[in-house]
């Protein structure tokens, strides 16, 4: 490994890991918000631009502007380490977690609604039956008595 600085290898691996973490965050956003195809494509494009820009800046800092094979390979290795571990877990577990959180929030919302109804219930003073109702039922009873 003549001519290859260990710092360059370490920085390339760290950049790959950081890009993997950003990609995992993008996957989490996709899963949480159920984005459509256009939004997903826009997020992928933004991620690709971020990866290209960060790789370019690293190449400027480490190798005076030229991208070496070992830099690209180390970035890919770092990215794949995160991709195979964290992003895979995000893809599998996050939709289940989101579904459970929605169920819990719906239950909590229903309970809060019940509590709110109890506190916000209008308390009417007990009203006596109106005269009309009393007369109506009273008249009907009297009519039945007269017929028999």
C-alpha atoms as a PDB file:
ATOM      1  CA  UNK A   1       0.000   0.000   0.000  1.00  0.00           C
ATOM      2  CA  UNK A   2       2.634   2.463  -0.985  1.00  0.00           C
ATOM      3  CA  UNK A   3       1.400   6.010  -1.443  1.00  0.00           C
ATOM      4  CA  UNK A   4      -1.961   5.384   0.223  1.00  0.00           C
ATOM      5  CA  UNK A   5      -2.520   7.355   3.390  1.00  0.00           C
ATOM      6  CA  UNK A   6      -4.342   5.488   6.167  1.00  0.00           C
ATOM      7  CA  UNK A   7      -6.212   8.694   6.942  1.00  0.00           C
ATOM      8  CA  UNK A   8      -7.658   8.655   3.418  1.00  0.00           C
ATOM      9  CA  UNK A   9      -8.908   5.102   3.895  1.00  0.00           C
ATOM     10  CA  UNK A  10     -10.439   5.963   7.267  1.00  0.00           C
ATOM     11  CA  UNK A  11     -12.093   9.120   5.919  1.00  0.00           C
ATOM     12  CA  UNK A  12     -13.497   7.214   2.963  1.00  0.00           C
ATOM     13  CA  UNK A  13     -14.945   4.532   5.240  1.00  0.00           C
ATOM     14  CA  UNK A  14     -16.444   7.170   7.542  1.00  0.00           C
ATOM     15  CA  UNK A  15     -17.978   8.987   4.581  1.00  0.00           C
ATOM     16  CA  UNK A  16     -19.479   5.718   3.355  1.00  0.00           C
ATOM     17  CA  UNK A  17     -20.977   5.048   6.781  1.00  0.00           C
ATOM     18  CA  UNK A  18     -22.373   8.586   6.969  1.00  0.00           C
ATOM     19  CA  UNK A  19     -23.918   8.228   3.522  1.00  0.00           C
ATOM     20  CA  UNK A  20     -25.436   4.937   4.648  1.00  0.00           C
ATOM     21  CA  UNK A  21     -26.957   6.632   7.698  1.00  0.00           C
ATOM     22  CA  UNK A  22     -28.405   9.396   5.529  1.00  0.00           C
ATOM     23  CA  UNK A  23     -29.857   6.760   3.219  1.00  0.00           C
ATOM     24  CA  UNK A  24     -31.406   4.964   6.205  1.00  0.00           C
ATOM     25  CA  UNK A  25     -32.977   8.262   7.279  1.00  0.00           C
ATOM     26  CA  UNK A  26     -34.372   8.739   3.763  1.00  0.00           C
ATOM     27  CA  UNK A  27     -35.835   5.222   3.911  1.00  0.00           C
ATOM     28  CA  UNK A  28     -37.422   6.038   7.269  1.00  0.00           C
ATOM     29  CA  UNK A  29     -38.997   9.200   5.839  1.00  0.00           C
ATOM     30  CA  UNK A  30     -40.395   7.172   2.945  1.00  0.00           C
ATOM     31  CA  UNK A  31     -41.883   4.597   5.290  1.00  0.00           C
ATOM     32  CA  UNK A  32     -43.338   7.143   7.711  1.00  0.00           C
ATOM     33  CA  UNK A  33     -45.003   9.384   5.159  1.00  0.00           C
ATOM     34  CA  UNK A  34     -45.893   6.838   2.440  1.00  0.00           C
ATOM     35  CA  UNK A  35     -44.557   9.049  -0.296  1.00  0.00           C
ATOM     36  CA  UNK A  36     -45.561   8.647  -3.924  1.00  0.00           C
ATOM     37  CA  UNK A  37     -43.341   7.881  -6.868  1.00  0.00           C
ATOM     38  CA  UNK A  38     -42.473  11.493  -7.648  1.00  0.00           C
ATOM     39  CA  UNK A  39     -41.470  12.310  -4.069  1.00  0.00           C
ATOM     40  CA  UNK A  40     -39.456   9.088  -3.860  1.00  0.00           C
ATOM     41  CA  UNK A  41     -37.633   9.957  -7.083  1.00  0.00           C
ATOM     42  CA  UNK A  42     -36.938  13.468  -5.778  1.00  0.00           C
ATOM     43  CA  UNK A  43     -35.504  12.064  -2.536  1.00  0.00           C
ATOM     44  CA  UNK A  44     -33.330   9.612  -4.496  1.00  0.00           C
ATOM     45  CA  UNK A  45     -32.064  12.429  -6.684  1.00  0.00           C
ATOM     46  CA  UNK A  46     -31.230  14.583  -3.659  1.00  0.00           C
ATOM     47  CA  UNK A  47     -29.405  11.679  -2.046  1.00  0.00           C
ATOM     48  CA  UNK A  48     -27.406  11.021  -5.223  1.00  0.00           C
ATOM     49  CA  UNK A  49     -26.441  14.699  -5.408  1.00  0.00           C
ATOM     50  CA  UNK A  50     -25.385  14.656  -1.758  1.00  0.00           C
ATOM     51  CA  UNK A  51     -23.290  11.526  -2.297  1.00  0.00           C
ATOM     52  CA  UNK A  52     -21.623  12.967  -5.404  1.00  0.00           C
ATOM     53  CA  UNK A  53     -20.870  16.283  -3.719  1.00  0.00           C
ATOM     54  CA  UNK A  54     -19.466  14.678  -0.577  1.00  0.00           C
ATOM     55  CA  UNK A  55     -17.313  12.298  -2.635  1.00  0.00           C
ATOM     56  CA  UNK A  56     -15.999  15.219  -4.674  1.00  0.00           C
ATOM     57  CA  UNK A  57     -15.140  17.216  -1.540  1.00  0.00           C
ATOM     58  CA  UNK A  58     -13.400  14.194  -0.018  1.00  0.00           C
ATOM     59  CA  UNK A  59     -11.404  13.664  -3.212  1.00  0.00           C
ATOM     60  CA  UNK A  60     -10.361  17.322  -3.123  1.00  0.00           C
ATOM     61  CA  UNK A  61      -9.298  17.076   0.500  1.00  0.00           C
ATOM     62  CA  UNK A  62      -7.500  13.736   0.355  1.00  0.00           C
ATOM     63  CA  UNK A  63      -6.114  13.267  -3.154  1.00  0.00           C
ATOM     64  CA  UNK A  64      -5.928  16.811  -4.533  1.00  0.00           C
ATOM     65  CA  UNK A  65      -9.029  16.405  -6.681  1.00  0.00           C
ATOM     66  CA  UNK A  66      -8.501  12.960  -8.170  1.00  0.00           C
ATOM     67  CA  UNK A  67     -10.697  10.126  -7.032  1.00  0.00           C
ATOM     68  CA  UNK A  68      -8.685   7.003  -6.355  1.00  0.00           C
ATOM     69  CA  UNK A  69     -10.081   3.504  -6.594  1.00  0.00           C
ATOM     70  CA  UNK A  70      -9.462   2.753  -2.923  1.00  0.00           C
ATOM     71  CA  UNK A  71     -11.489   5.839  -1.932  1.00  0.00           C
ATOM     72  CA  UNK A  72     -14.507   4.746  -3.938  1.00  0.00           C
ATOM     73  CA  UNK A  73     -14.151   1.159  -2.728  1.00  0.00           C
ATOM     74  CA  UNK A  74     -13.932   2.233   0.922  1.00  0.00           C
ATOM     75  CA  UNK A  75     -16.962   4.484   0.544  1.00  0.00           C
ATOM     76  CA  UNK A  76     -18.939   1.626  -0.983  1.00  0.00           C
ATOM     77  CA  UNK A  77     -17.814  -0.764   1.764  1.00  0.00           C
ATOM     78  CA  UNK A  78     -18.835   1.703   4.491  1.00  0.00           C
ATOM     79  CA  UNK A  79     -22.180   2.333   2.797  1.00  0.00           C
ATOM     80  CA  UNK A  80     -22.874  -1.387   2.378  1.00  0.00           C
ATOM     81  CA  UNK A  81     -22.085  -2.069   6.040  1.00  0.00           C
ATOM     82  CA  UNK A  82     -24.833   0.325   7.066  1.00  0.00           C
ATOM     83  CA  UNK A  83     -27.132  -0.730   4.213  1.00  0.00           C
ATOM     84  CA  UNK A  84     -26.988  -4.408   5.098  1.00  0.00           C
ATOM     85  CA  UNK A  85     -27.496  -3.815   8.799  1.00  0.00           C
ATOM     86  CA  UNK A  86     -29.441  -0.656   9.622  1.00  0.00           C
ATOM     87  CA  UNK A  87     -31.337   0.108   6.420  1.00  0.00           C
ATOM     88  CA  UNK A  88     -32.538  -3.472   6.138  1.00  0.00           C
ATOM     89  CA  UNK A  89     -33.873  -3.258   9.682  1.00  0.00           C
ATOM     90  CA  UNK A  90     -35.538   0.080   8.899  1.00  0.00           C
ATOM     91  CA  UNK A  91     -37.295  -1.400   5.876  1.00  0.00           C
ATOM     92  CA  UNK A  92     -38.589  -4.386   7.822  1.00  0.00           C
ATOM     93  CA  UNK A  93     -39.364  -2.940  11.230  1.00  0.00           C
ATOM     94  CA  UNK A  94     -40.437   0.632  10.594  1.00  0.00           C
ATOM     95  CA  UNK A  95     -43.718  -0.153   8.775  1.00  0.00           C
ATOM     96  CA  UNK A  96     -44.724  -2.412  11.669  1.00  0.00           C
ATOM     97  CA  UNK A  97     -43.749   0.249  14.177  1.00  0.00           C
ATOM     98  CA  UNK A  98     -45.710   2.893  12.267  1.00  0.00           C
ATOM     99  CA  UNK A  99     -48.799   0.654  12.181  1.00  0.00           C
ATOM    100  CA  UNK A 100     -48.586   0.061  15.931  1.00  0.00           C
ATOM    101  CA  UNK A 101     -48.074   3.755  16.647  1.00  0.00           C
ATOM    102  CA  UNK A 102     -51.124   4.591  14.537  1.00  0.00           C
ATOM    103  CA  UNK A 103     -53.228   2.052  16.445  1.00  0.00           C
ATOM    104  CA  UNK A 104     -52.036   3.391  19.779  1.00  0.00           C
ATOM    105  CA  UNK A 105     -52.651   6.983  18.740  1.00  0.00           C
ATOM    106  CA  UNK A 106     -56.149   6.099  17.504  1.00  0.00           C
ATOM    107  CA  UNK A 107     -56.955   4.426  20.816  1.00  0.00           C
ATOM    108  CA  UNK A 108     -55.578   7.373  22.746  1.00  0.00           C
ATOM    109  CA  UNK A 109     -57.552   9.726  20.521  1.00  0.00           C
ATOM    110  CA  UNK A 110     -60.763   7.806  21.192  1.00  0.00           C
ATOM    111  CA  UNK A 111     -60.146   7.874  24.943  1.00  0.00           C
ATOM    112  CA  UNK A 112     -59.355  11.582  24.894  1.00  0.00           C
ATOM    113  CA  UNK A 113     -62.507  12.166  22.899  1.00  0.00           C
ATOM    114  CA  UNK A 114     -64.548  10.341  25.547  1.00  0.00           C
ATOM    115  CA  UNK A 115     -62.924  12.336  28.319  1.00  0.00           C
ATOM    116  CA  UNK A 116     -63.489  15.529  26.371  1.00  0.00           C
ATOM    117  CA  UNK A 117     -67.165  14.677  25.918  1.00  0.00           C
ATOM    118  CA  UNK A 118     -67.526  14.154  29.657  1.00  0.00           C
ATOM    119  CA  UNK A 119     -65.975  17.517  30.469  1.00  0.00           C
ATOM    120  CA  UNK A 120     -67.590  19.412  27.639  1.00  0.00           C
ATOM    121  CA  UNK A 121     -71.039  17.952  28.067  1.00  0.00           C
ATOM    122  CA  UNK A 122     -73.682  20.613  28.442  1.00  0.00           C
ATOM    123  CA  UNK A 123     -75.381  20.291  31.734  1.00  0.00           C
ATOM    124  CA  UNK A 124     -79.045  21.176  31.382  1.00  0.00           C
ATOM    125  CA  UNK A 125     -81.086  21.766  34.484  1.00  0.00           C
ATOM    126  CA  UNK A 126     -83.867  19.250  34.720  1.00  0.00           C
ATOM    127  CA  UNK A 127     -86.824  20.789  32.979  1.00  0.00           C
ATOM    128  CA  UNK A 128     -90.349  19.890  33.965  1.00  0.00           C
ATOM    129  CA  UNK A 129     -92.487  18.471  31.216  1.00  0.00           C
ATOM    130  CA  UNK A 130     -94.063  21.154  29.193  1.00  0.00           C
ATOM    131  CA  UNK A 131     -97.751  21.854  29.686  1.00  0.00           C
ATOM    132  CA  UNK A 132     -98.546  20.675  26.168  1.00  0.00           C
ATOM    133  CA  UNK A 133     -97.165  17.222  26.766  1.00  0.00           C
ATOM    134  CA  UNK A 134     -98.956  16.906  30.074  1.00  0.00           C
ATOM    135  CA  UNK A 135    -102.210  18.041  28.577  1.00  0.00           C
ATOM    136  CA  UNK A 136    -101.825  15.769  25.566  1.00  0.00           C
ATOM    137  CA  UNK A 137    -101.232  12.641  27.580  1.00  0.00           C
ATOM    138  CA  UNK A 138    -103.793  13.717  30.129  1.00  0.00           C
ATOM    139  CA  UNK A 139    -106.407  14.377  27.453  1.00  0.00           C
ATOM    140  CA  UNK A 140    -105.834  10.997  25.854  1.00  0.00           C
ATOM    141  CA  UNK A 141    -106.343   9.247  29.139  1.00  0.00           C
ATOM    142  CA  UNK A 142    -109.541  11.200  29.743  1.00  0.00           C
ATOM    143  CA  UNK A 143    -110.869  10.381  26.264  1.00  0.00           C
ATOM    144  CA  UNK A 144    -110.309   6.679  26.874  1.00  0.00           C
ATOM    145  CA  UNK A 145    -112.165   6.928  30.161  1.00  0.00           C
ATOM    146  CA  UNK A 146    -115.148   8.618  28.538  1.00  0.00           C
ATOM    147  CA  UNK A 147    -115.485   5.963  25.838  1.00  0.00           C
ATOM    148  CA  UNK A 148    -115.676   3.099  28.231  1.00  0.00           C
END
